[in-house]
Amino acid sequence: MLFAADGEFVNATGLQLSGVLDELFSYSGMLGAIYSSETVSLYLWSPTAQDVSVCIYKDPSGGDPLETVHLEEVNGVWSAHGPRRWEGYYYVYEVSVYHHSTLQIEKCMANDPYARGLSSDGTRTLLTDLGSISSKPEGWDNLADEKPELLSFSDISIYELHVRDFSANDFALNPDIRGGYLAFTSQDSPGILHLKKLQEAGLTHVHLLPTFQFADVDDDKNKWKSLDADKLATMPPDSDEQQAQVAGIQDQDGYNWGYNPVLWGDGYNWGYNPVLWGVPKGSYASNPNDSCRILEFRKMVQALNRLGLRVVLDVVYNHLHGSGPHDENSVLDKVVPGYYLRRNADGCIEHSTCVNNTASEHFMVERLILDDLLRWAVDYKVDGFRFDLMGHIMKSTMVRVSVELLSFDTIHSFRESSSLVTGIETVGEGSIPDKGESMAGGRPRAMEDAWQSGVGGWRPRSRRV
């Protein structure tokens, strides 16, 4: 609290307990859904919660829970155990917790931060075992043996690609797979033939713009709107009428790819609206429910590798799209309010990244980032990562990322031939946070601070020239 010289109250700020939570409740054990031969166990880190239950549903939407199970808490970790038959069902956590934004106890309905599958638009978390045979394409377990050779990092040539842009208007493809993961499995579509030519000319990597679960593009394609091409053809090409038709549905056509600050708020971004980092985006799958998105994402990676191209994912760990106790896109801020997001001295969330800056200086935030990267590398066999706005992530975190991924690569013999480059490629956009932003937890990872960190730098200006 702040008082004037005469003792009059001037201002106050609430307590920020992230350091205390790190000191008392840092945790390195199991999180998410863990499968054994007979049981499914759920683990949720939520040290400030007063009570946690899980609602189990048979279907991805609608209906009442099949059962509601209370979780038991030990040192800030809540857990419950159920039968293996839960696999294929959906669940949502009900977390009773004090929320700093409302100054009261809230009952928050939240997905699992360690979700591996989702229902359409992320309304419920899918209980899915990524090791299940049904979620693997044929030959998946041997894909490491088919990875394209790379003799030197200096040989890397990267093609930036948006999943939907790649094939949305490719009429040589079945309509069911246009704009999605399966478009990359075609053998002779114009897009694939183009990639083959680029690979033969020296292209080594395809960099996919965000493919995790992001907001503002509906997973259910039945809700999308599209233009009437015949109607457009009747309009004068030099008038404003055609553009008016496009603008009229721009937020409802399934595209999300402009990322232009001038048009901010009009649905123009490439998918940089993170909701859950560890689940493939449902709108790119032929079915946004069940484990379809997992299988089809893996088919895409496998197909690109077999074309001779490695796969780089665009990861956005610097911010989250939603916050607060009731936002449908809020997950982490419901489970441990105020912890995962970086706040200033007044207790307000920093927004310099776009919105809701994350706080990688906190132990469990950094852990979630590392766990998520390893999940993409292990379970989806991707070959590299490009970090959006890496300058907002702690340098110590990025150094750990480099070490962990290099160690994983060696331990798991991801590229077994001694003639190949060892290591999963990591490169980041090293823009510097605002000078006024609270960075008390450590040094940000900026381009100017890149020397000998093991992580490459990427300047967006070169892309925009």
Protein backbone atom coordinates (compact mmCIF):
# COMPACT_ATOMS: atom_id res chain seq x y z
CA MET A 1 0.00 0.00 0.00
CA LEU A 2 1.06 3.58 -0.68
CA PHE A 3 0.27 6.43 1.70
CA ALA A 4 0.83 10.17 1.45
CA ALA A 5 2.91 12.10 4.00
CA ASP A 6 -0.26 12.95 5.96
CA GLY A 7 -1.15 9.27 6.18
CA GLU A 8 -3.88 9.35 3.54
CA PHE A 9 -4.19 6.18 1.48
CA VAL A 10 -3.05 6.73 -2.12
CA ASN A 11 -2.78 3.36 -3.90
CA ALA A 12 -2.37 -0.37 -3.41
CA THR A 13 -1.49 -3.50 -5.33
CA GLY A 14 -2.32 -7.11 -4.68
CA LEU A 15 0.28 -9.69 -3.76
CA GLN A 16 2.07 -11.44 -6.60
CA LEU A 17 2.79 -14.93 -5.35
CA SER A 18 4.59 -16.52 -8.31
CA GLY A 19 7.94 -16.54 -6.52
CA VAL A 20 6.35 -18.12 -3.47
CA LEU A 21 4.67 -20.79 -5.61
CA ASP A 22 7.99 -21.57 -7.28
CA GLU A 23 9.70 -21.82 -3.90
CA LEU A 24 7.08 -24.01 -2.25
CA PHE A 25 5.36 -25.94 -5.05
CA SER A 26 7.80 -26.44 -7.96
CA TYR A 27 7.06 -29.90 -9.31
CA SER A 28 8.81 -32.25 -11.70
CA GLY A 29 6.50 -35.27 -11.58
CA MET A 30 3.72 -36.52 -13.81
CA LEU A 31 1.13 -34.14 -15.27
CA GLY A 32 -1.78 -34.64 -17.64
CA ALA A 33 -3.37 -38.00 -18.39
CA ILE A 34 -1.14 -41.02 -17.71
CA TYR A 35 -2.12 -44.45 -19.04
CA SER A 36 -1.41 -47.90 -17.63
CA SER A 37 -2.81 -51.27 -18.66
CA GLU A 38 -5.85 -50.90 -16.40
CA THR A 39 -6.14 -47.26 -15.36
CA VAL A 40 -6.10 -43.67 -16.51
CA SER A 41 -4.59 -41.26 -13.98
CA LEU A 42 -5.06 -37.49 -14.10
CA TYR A 43 -2.60 -35.02 -12.57
CA LEU A 44 -3.14 -31.25 -12.41
CA TRP A 45 -0.77 -28.67 -10.90
CA SER A 46 -2.98 -26.10 -9.18
CA PRO A 47 -1.50 -25.12 -5.80
CA THR A 48 -3.85 -22.17 -5.20
CA ALA A 49 -7.06 -24.12 -5.88
CA GLN A 50 -9.45 -24.80 -3.03
CA ASP A 51 -11.14 -27.71 -4.76
CA VAL A 52 -10.84 -29.57 -8.09
CA SER A 53 -13.18 -32.06 -9.75
CA VAL A 54 -13.18 -33.61 -13.20
CA CYS A 55 -16.30 -34.08 -15.32
CA ILE A 56 -16.12 -37.10 -17.64
CA TYR A 57 -18.19 -36.97 -20.85
CA LYS A 58 -18.89 -39.60 -23.48
CA ASP A 59 -19.34 -37.12 -26.32
CA PRO A 60 -17.40 -34.05 -27.51
CA SER A 61 -20.29 -31.70 -26.77
CA GLY A 62 -23.67 -31.63 -25.07
CA GLY A 63 -25.13 -33.98 -22.53
CA ASP A 64 -24.50 -34.43 -18.83
CA PRO A 65 -21.28 -35.87 -17.41
CA LEU A 66 -21.12 -39.64 -17.15
CA GLU A 67 -19.50 -39.06 -13.80
CA THR A 68 -17.87 -36.33 -11.75
CA VAL A 69 -14.79 -37.32 -9.77
CA HIS A 70 -13.19 -35.31 -6.98
CA LEU A 71 -9.40 -34.97 -7.16
CA GLU A 72 -7.15 -35.31 -4.12
CA GLU A 73 -4.41 -32.76 -3.46
CA VAL A 74 -0.81 -33.39 -2.34
CA ASN A 75 1.68 -30.49 -2.31
CA GLY A 76 -0.25 -28.52 -4.91
CA VAL A 77 -0.84 -31.42 -7.32
CA TRP A 78 -4.38 -32.75 -7.70
CA SER A 79 -4.94 -36.31 -8.92
CA ALA A 80 -7.62 -38.87 -9.64
CA HIS A 81 -7.61 -42.39 -11.04
CA GLY A 82 -10.18 -44.02 -13.29
CA PRO A 83 -10.66 -47.13 -15.42
CA ARG A 84 -8.91 -47.59 -18.76
CA ARG A 85 -12.31 -47.47 -20.45
CA TRP A 86 -12.16 -43.69 -19.98
CA GLU A 87 -9.88 -43.58 -23.01
CA GLY A 88 -11.79 -42.00 -25.88
CA TYR A 89 -13.99 -40.02 -23.49
CA TYR A 90 -13.70 -36.29 -22.86
CA TYR A 91 -13.12 -34.35 -19.67
CA VAL A 92 -13.15 -30.85 -18.21
CA TYR A 93 -11.74 -29.69 -14.89
CA GLU A 94 -13.89 -27.73 -12.45
CA VAL A 95 -11.46 -25.61 -10.42
CA SER A 96 -12.56 -23.54 -7.42
CA VAL A 97 -9.89 -20.89 -6.98
CA TYR A 98 -9.37 -17.27 -5.96
CA HIS A 99 -8.91 -15.14 -9.07
CA HIS A 100 -7.02 -11.85 -8.81
CA SER A 101 -9.00 -10.30 -11.68
CA THR A 102 -12.34 -10.54 -9.84
CA LEU A 103 -11.05 -10.57 -6.23
CA GLN A 104 -13.22 -13.54 -5.38
CA ILE A 105 -13.43 -17.32 -5.45
CA GLU A 106 -14.39 -18.46 -8.94
CA LYS A 107 -15.55 -21.82 -10.24
CA CYS A 108 -13.57 -22.18 -13.46
CA MET A 109 -14.23 -24.80 -16.15
CA ALA A 110 -10.87 -25.54 -17.72
CA ASN A 111 -9.17 -27.87 -20.15
CA ASP A 112 -6.07 -29.77 -19.09
CA PRO A 113 -2.92 -27.65 -19.69
CA TYR A 114 -1.25 -30.93 -20.71
CA ALA A 115 -4.06 -31.91 -23.08
CA ARG A 116 -3.03 -34.17 -25.97
CA GLY A 117 -6.39 -34.15 -27.71
CA LEU A 118 -9.47 -31.93 -27.85
CA SER A 119 -13.05 -31.78 -29.00
CA SER A 120 -14.01 -29.33 -31.72
CA ASP A 121 -12.96 -25.79 -30.76
CA GLY A 122 -11.38 -27.07 -27.58
CA THR A 123 -14.51 -27.23 -25.46
CA ARG A 124 -13.38 -30.49 -23.84
CA THR A 125 -10.11 -32.40 -23.46
CA LEU A 126 -9.92 -35.77 -25.19
CA LEU A 127 -8.54 -38.74 -23.25
CA THR A 128 -6.20 -40.14 -25.88
CA ASP A 129 -3.05 -42.22 -25.67
CA LEU A 130 -0.54 -40.93 -28.23
CA GLY A 131 1.12 -44.34 -28.22
CA SER A 132 -2.03 -46.05 -29.47
CA ILE A 133 -1.71 -47.93 -32.77
CA SER A 134 -4.92 -46.32 -34.02
CA SER A 135 -3.36 -42.85 -33.92
CA LYS A 136 -0.23 -43.84 -35.89
CA PRO A 137 0.07 -44.10 -39.68
CA GLU A 138 1.67 -47.22 -41.08
CA GLY A 139 5.45 -47.09 -40.68
CA TRP A 140 5.33 -44.27 -38.14
CA ASP A 141 7.57 -45.94 -35.57
CA ASN A 142 10.34 -46.28 -38.16
CA LEU A 143 10.20 -42.72 -39.49
CA ALA A 144 13.54 -41.86 -37.86
CA ASP A 145 15.19 -44.15 -40.42
CA GLU A 146 13.63 -42.12 -43.26
CA LYS A 147 14.62 -38.65 -42.10
CA PRO A 148 16.20 -36.62 -44.93
CA GLU A 149 19.97 -36.21 -44.73
CA LEU A 150 21.47 -32.90 -43.72
CA LEU A 151 25.24 -32.65 -43.83
CA SER A 152 25.57 -29.14 -42.41
CA PHE A 153 23.39 -26.50 -40.79
CA SER A 154 24.67 -24.12 -43.47
CA ASP A 155 22.81 -26.25 -46.03
CA ILE A 156 19.44 -25.41 -44.51
CA SER A 157 16.96 -23.72 -46.85
CA ILE A 158 13.53 -23.01 -45.36
CA TYR A 159 10.14 -22.50 -47.06
CA GLU A 160 7.54 -20.77 -44.87
CA LEU A 161 4.11 -22.26 -45.42
CA HIS A 162 0.55 -21.86 -44.14
CA VAL A 163 -1.29 -25.19 -43.94
CA ARG A 164 -4.58 -23.93 -45.35
CA ASP A 165 -3.04 -21.65 -47.97
CA PHE A 166 -1.09 -24.57 -49.36
CA SER A 167 -4.14 -26.35 -50.77
CA ALA A 168 -7.38 -24.48 -50.03
CA ASN A 169 -7.83 -23.64 -53.71
CA ASP A 170 -6.23 -26.76 -55.14
CA PHE A 171 -9.14 -28.25 -57.08
CA ALA A 172 -7.07 -31.29 -58.04
CA LEU A 173 -7.63 -32.51 -54.48
CA ASN A 174 -10.67 -34.05 -52.87
CA PRO A 175 -12.65 -31.24 -51.20
CA ASP A 176 -12.50 -33.10 -47.88
CA ILE A 177 -8.74 -32.66 -47.60
CA ARG A 178 -8.22 -29.23 -49.15
CA GLY A 179 -6.67 -26.82 -46.70
CA GLY A 180 -5.74 -29.54 -44.24
CA TYR A 181 -3.03 -31.90 -43.08
CA LEU A 182 -3.93 -34.64 -45.54
CA ALA A 183 -3.28 -32.40 -48.54
CA PHE A 184 0.43 -33.04 -47.95
CA THR A 185 -0.09 -36.78 -48.43
CA SER A 186 -1.12 -36.39 -52.07
CA GLN A 187 1.46 -37.65 -54.55
CA ASP A 188 0.68 -35.58 -57.62
CA SER A 189 -1.25 -32.45 -56.68
CA PRO A 190 0.15 -29.14 -58.01
CA GLY A 191 1.28 -28.13 -54.53
CA ILE A 192 3.16 -31.36 -53.90
CA LEU A 193 4.75 -31.28 -57.37
CA HIS A 194 5.91 -27.74 -56.63
CA LEU A 195 7.45 -28.84 -53.31
CA LYS A 196 9.20 -31.70 -55.08
CA LYS A 197 10.79 -29.26 -57.53
CA LEU A 198 11.90 -27.01 -54.70
CA GLN A 199 13.40 -29.98 -52.85
CA GLU A 200 15.31 -31.03 -55.95
CA ALA A 201 16.61 -27.46 -56.20
CA GLY A 202 17.97 -27.54 -52.65
CA LEU A 203 15.05 -26.86 -50.28
CA THR A 204 15.59 -28.75 -47.00
CA HIS A 205 12.87 -27.61 -44.58
CA VAL A 206 9.21 -26.63 -44.58
CA HIS A 207 8.34 -24.16 -41.82
CA LEU A 208 4.66 -24.50 -40.92
CA LEU A 209 2.91 -21.46 -39.51
CA PRO A 210 1.02 -22.18 -36.25
CA THR A 211 -0.50 -25.65 -36.20
CA PHE A 212 -1.35 -25.87 -32.48
CA GLN A 213 -4.87 -25.18 -31.21
CA PHE A 214 -5.47 -21.46 -31.74
CA ALA A 215 -8.51 -19.22 -31.49
CA ASP A 216 -10.63 -17.32 -34.02
CA VAL A 217 -10.92 -20.03 -36.68
CA ASP A 218 -13.83 -22.37 -36.07
CA ASP A 219 -12.82 -26.04 -36.06
CA ASP A 220 -16.23 -26.97 -37.46
CA LYS A 221 -16.06 -26.35 -41.21
CA ASN A 222 -19.85 -26.50 -41.43
CA LYS A 223 -19.90 -23.08 -39.77
CA TRP A 224 -17.60 -21.48 -42.34
CA LYS A 225 -18.91 -19.06 -44.94
CA SER A 226 -17.57 -18.81 -48.47
CA LEU A 227 -17.83 -16.46 -51.40
CA ASP A 228 -20.13 -17.01 -54.35
CA ALA A 229 -17.65 -17.06 -57.24
CA ASP A 230 -20.41 -16.66 -59.84
CA LYS A 231 -21.73 -13.59 -58.06
CA LEU A 232 -18.25 -12.09 -57.85
CA ALA A 233 -17.80 -12.58 -61.59
CA THR A 234 -20.79 -10.31 -62.28
CA MET A 235 -19.27 -7.40 -60.35
CA PRO A 236 -17.04 -4.76 -61.94
CA PRO A 237 -13.39 -5.55 -61.18
CA ASP A 238 -12.61 -1.84 -60.71
CA SER A 239 -15.32 -1.24 -58.09
CA ASP A 240 -15.43 -1.75 -54.33
CA GLU A 241 -18.17 -4.38 -54.59
CA GLN A 242 -15.95 -7.44 -54.82
CA GLN A 243 -13.84 -6.37 -51.83
CA ALA A 244 -16.99 -5.66 -49.85
CA GLN A 245 -18.11 -9.26 -50.42
CA VAL A 246 -14.75 -10.52 -49.17
CA ALA A 247 -14.74 -8.22 -46.14
CA GLY A 248 -18.26 -9.30 -45.25
CA ILE A 249 -17.18 -12.84 -44.38
CA GLN A 250 -13.50 -12.35 -43.55
CA ASP A 251 -13.98 -13.45 -39.92
CA GLN A 252 -16.04 -16.51 -40.82
CA ASP A 253 -14.32 -18.12 -43.79
CA GLY A 254 -11.83 -20.32 -41.94
CA TYR A 255 -8.83 -18.17 -42.82
CA ASN A 256 -6.66 -16.60 -40.17
CA TRP A 257 -3.53 -15.33 -41.80
CA GLY A 258 -2.94 -11.59 -42.22
CA TYR A 259 -1.13 -10.62 -38.96
CA ASN A 260 -1.31 -6.96 -39.94
CA PRO A 261 -1.38 -4.54 -36.97
CA VAL A 262 -3.29 -2.03 -39.09
CA LEU A 263 -6.14 -4.53 -39.35
CA TRP A 264 -5.80 -5.86 -35.80
CA GLY A 265 -9.13 -7.09 -34.49
CA ASP A 266 -10.50 -8.00 -37.92
CA GLY A 267 -9.52 -11.67 -37.84
CA TYR A 268 -6.30 -11.06 -39.77
CA ASN A 269 -3.56 -13.17 -38.27
CA TRP A 270 -1.76 -16.37 -39.16
CA GLY A 271 -2.93 -18.35 -36.14
CA TYR A 272 -0.82 -16.59 -33.51
CA ASN A 273 -3.68 -16.87 -31.01
CA PRO A 274 -2.49 -19.72 -28.76
CA VAL A 275 -5.06 -21.57 -26.70
CA LEU A 276 -3.33 -24.91 -26.09
CA TRP A 277 0.24 -25.38 -27.27
CA GLY A 278 0.34 -29.18 -27.27
CA VAL A 279 -2.59 -30.15 -29.52
CA PRO A 280 -2.78 -29.93 -33.35
CA LYS A 281 -5.31 -27.42 -34.67
CA GLY A 282 -8.68 -29.04 -35.31
CA SER A 283 -9.71 -26.99 -38.36
CA TYR A 284 -6.93 -28.61 -40.43
CA ALA A 285 -8.25 -32.11 -39.71
CA SER A 286 -11.04 -33.85 -41.61
CA ASN A 287 -12.74 -34.39 -38.24
CA PRO A 288 -11.98 -32.01 -35.33
CA ASN A 289 -13.18 -34.55 -32.77
CA ASP A 290 -11.66 -37.83 -31.53
CA SER A 291 -7.99 -38.54 -32.40
CA CYS A 292 -8.32 -37.71 -36.12
CA ARG A 293 -6.19 -34.55 -35.90
CA ILE A 294 -3.36 -36.53 -34.26
CA LEU A 295 -3.29 -39.22 -36.95
CA GLU A 296 -3.54 -36.72 -39.82
CA PHE A 297 -0.84 -34.43 -38.42
CA ARG A 298 1.49 -37.43 -38.21
CA LYS A 299 0.64 -38.39 -41.79
CA MET A 300 1.59 -34.87 -42.87
CA VAL A 301 4.99 -35.02 -41.14
CA GLN A 302 5.64 -38.49 -42.56
CA ALA A 303 4.70 -37.40 -46.09
CA LEU A 304 6.93 -34.30 -46.00
CA ASN A 305 9.87 -36.31 -44.68
CA ARG A 306 9.39 -38.81 -47.50
CA LEU A 307 9.50 -35.91 -49.96
CA GLY A 308 12.96 -35.17 -48.60
CA LEU A 309 11.83 -32.23 -46.46
CA ARG A 310 12.20 -31.74 -42.73
CA VAL A 311 9.42 -30.08 -40.76
CA VAL A 312 9.81 -26.96 -38.59
CA LEU A 313 6.94 -25.83 -36.36
CA ASP A 314 6.19 -22.21 -35.57
CA VAL A 315 5.74 -22.15 -31.78
CA VAL A 316 4.22 -19.23 -29.88
CA TYR A 317 5.15 -19.51 -26.21
CA ASN A 318 5.37 -15.75 -25.62
CA HIS A 319 1.65 -15.14 -25.12
CA LEU A 320 -1.80 -16.70 -24.74
CA HIS A 321 -5.00 -15.60 -26.41
CA GLY A 322 -7.26 -15.80 -23.37
CA SER A 323 -7.10 -14.96 -19.68
CA GLY A 324 -9.45 -14.61 -16.75
CA PRO A 325 -11.88 -17.03 -15.09
CA HIS A 326 -14.58 -17.13 -17.78
CA ASP A 327 -12.95 -16.54 -21.18
CA GLU A 328 -13.57 -19.65 -23.31
CA ASN A 329 -10.00 -19.43 -24.62
CA SER A 330 -8.46 -19.15 -21.16
CA VAL A 331 -6.84 -22.30 -19.78
CA LEU A 332 -3.72 -21.63 -17.74
CA ASP A 333 -5.12 -18.52 -16.05
CA LYS A 334 -8.05 -20.58 -14.78
CA VAL A 335 -5.90 -23.34 -13.31
CA VAL A 336 -3.37 -21.12 -11.47
CA PRO A 337 -4.63 -17.52 -11.79
CA GLY A 338 -1.92 -14.89 -12.10
CA TYR A 339 0.97 -17.36 -12.31
CA TYR A 340 1.46 -18.15 -15.99
CA LEU A 341 1.15 -14.54 -17.21
CA ARG A 342 3.73 -11.78 -16.71
CA ARG A 343 2.44 -8.86 -14.68
CA ASN A 344 3.78 -5.37 -14.08
CA ALA A 345 4.36 -3.59 -10.78
CA ASP A 346 0.68 -2.62 -10.63
CA GLY A 347 -0.37 -6.25 -10.94
CA CYS A 348 -1.73 -5.83 -14.46
CA ILE A 349 -0.93 -8.32 -17.23
CA GLU A 350 1.74 -7.23 -19.71
CA HIS A 351 0.55 -7.12 -23.34
CA SER A 352 3.66 -6.16 -25.32
CA THR A 353 3.71 -9.43 -27.28
CA CYS A 354 0.14 -8.80 -28.55
CA VAL A 355 -1.79 -9.83 -25.45
CA ASN A 356 -1.30 -11.84 -22.25
CA ASN A 357 2.50 -12.15 -22.11
CA THR A 358 3.62 -15.43 -20.57
CA ALA A 359 6.20 -15.54 -17.78
CA SER A 360 8.87 -18.09 -18.69
CA GLU A 361 10.89 -16.87 -15.68
CA HIS A 362 8.51 -18.93 -13.53
CA PHE A 363 9.50 -22.54 -12.98
CA MET A 364 6.29 -24.25 -14.10
CA VAL A 365 5.90 -22.02 -17.16
CA GLU A 366 9.38 -22.95 -18.33
CA ARG A 367 8.64 -26.58 -17.55
CA LEU A 368 5.46 -26.52 -19.64
CA ILE A 369 7.37 -25.02 -22.59
CA LEU A 370 10.10 -27.68 -22.36
CA ASP A 371 7.61 -30.53 -21.92
CA ASP A 372 5.61 -29.30 -24.89
CA LEU A 373 8.63 -29.07 -27.20
CA LEU A 374 9.75 -32.57 -26.28
CA ARG A 375 6.22 -33.84 -26.92
CA TRP A 376 6.25 -32.43 -30.46
CA ALA A 377 9.73 -33.86 -31.05
CA VAL A 378 8.99 -37.30 -29.59
CA ASP A 379 5.36 -37.93 -30.49
CA TYR A 380 5.15 -35.96 -33.73
CA LYS A 381 8.78 -36.37 -34.85
CA VAL A 382 9.19 -32.77 -35.98
CA ASP A 383 12.68 -31.61 -36.94
CA GLY A 384 12.88 -28.06 -35.65
CA PHE A 385 11.16 -25.09 -34.07
CA ARG A 386 10.87 -21.40 -34.90
CA PHE A 387 10.09 -19.32 -31.79
CA ASP A 388 7.76 -16.39 -32.30
CA LEU A 389 8.88 -13.25 -30.42
CA MET A 390 11.65 -15.20 -28.73
CA GLY A 391 12.95 -11.97 -27.21
CA HIS A 392 10.11 -12.16 -24.67
CA ILE A 393 11.30 -15.56 -23.43
CA MET A 394 14.07 -15.80 -20.85
CA LYS A 395 17.54 -16.49 -22.22
CA SER A 396 17.94 -19.19 -19.54
CA THR A 397 14.82 -20.89 -20.89
CA MET A 398 16.10 -20.83 -24.47
CA VAL A 399 19.46 -22.23 -23.41
CA ARG A 400 17.65 -25.08 -21.64
CA VAL A 401 15.56 -25.62 -24.76
CA SER A 402 18.71 -26.00 -26.86
CA VAL A 403 20.34 -28.37 -24.36
CA GLU A 404 17.21 -30.49 -23.89
CA LEU A 405 16.55 -30.89 -27.60
CA LEU A 406 20.17 -31.70 -28.39
CA SER A 407 20.23 -34.22 -25.52
CA PHE A 408 16.99 -35.77 -26.70
CA ASP A 409 18.35 -36.08 -30.19
CA THR A 410 21.45 -37.92 -28.98
CA ILE A 411 19.69 -40.14 -26.45
CA HIS A 412 16.93 -41.20 -28.83
CA SER A 413 19.21 -41.59 -31.88
CA PHE A 414 16.76 -39.44 -33.80
CA ARG A 415 19.26 -39.25 -36.65
CA GLU A 416 21.38 -42.33 -36.40
CA SER A 417 23.85 -41.87 -39.25
CA SER A 418 27.16 -40.31 -38.20
CA SER A 419 27.20 -38.36 -41.46
CA LEU A 420 24.14 -36.36 -40.48
CA VAL A 421 23.89 -33.19 -38.42
CA THR A 422 22.92 -34.00 -34.84
CA GLY A 423 20.35 -31.78 -33.19
CA ILE A 424 16.84 -30.48 -33.67
CA GLU A 425 17.05 -27.05 -35.24
CA THR A 426 15.90 -24.13 -33.09
CA VAL A 427 15.64 -20.57 -34.36
CA GLY A 428 13.80 -17.60 -32.93
CA GLU A 429 12.58 -14.09 -33.62
CA GLY A 430 14.75 -12.09 -31.24
CA SER A 431 12.78 -8.89 -30.93
CA ILE A 432 13.36 -6.96 -27.71
CA PRO A 433 10.55 -6.43 -25.15
CA ASP A 434 9.40 -2.93 -24.29
CA LYS A 435 11.88 -1.17 -22.01
CA GLY A 436 9.18 -0.58 -19.44
CA GLU A 437 8.17 -4.21 -19.19
CA SER A 438 8.83 -6.00 -15.92
CA MET A 439 11.55 -8.60 -16.57
CA ALA A 440 12.75 -9.02 -12.99
CA GLY A 441 12.86 -12.79 -13.36
CA GLY A 442 15.82 -12.80 -15.74
CA ARG A 443 17.25 -11.68 -19.07
CA PRO A 444 15.13 -11.89 -22.22
CA ARG A 445 16.57 -13.78 -25.19
CA ALA A 446 17.17 -11.03 -27.77
CA MET A 447 19.08 -11.28 -31.05
CA GLU A 448 21.83 -9.11 -29.60
CA ASP A 449 22.29 -11.68 -26.82
CA ALA A 450 22.57 -14.71 -29.09
CA TRP A 451 26.30 -15.42 -29.01
CA GLN A 452 27.04 -19.06 -28.10
CA SER A 453 23.51 -19.72 -26.82
CA GLY A 454 22.95 -22.61 -29.25
CA VAL A 455 19.81 -21.00 -30.69
CA GLY A 456 19.72 -19.31 -34.07
CA GLY A 457 18.34 -15.86 -34.71
CA TRP A 458 15.73 -14.89 -37.29
CA ARG A 459 14.95 -11.34 -38.33
CA PRO A 460 11.38 -10.74 -39.57
CA ARG A 461 12.45 -7.62 -41.48
CA SER A 462 14.06 -9.78 -44.15
CA ARG A 463 10.73 -11.54 -44.74
CA ARG A 464 8.84 -8.27 -45.10
CA VAL A 465 11.18 -6.58 -47.58
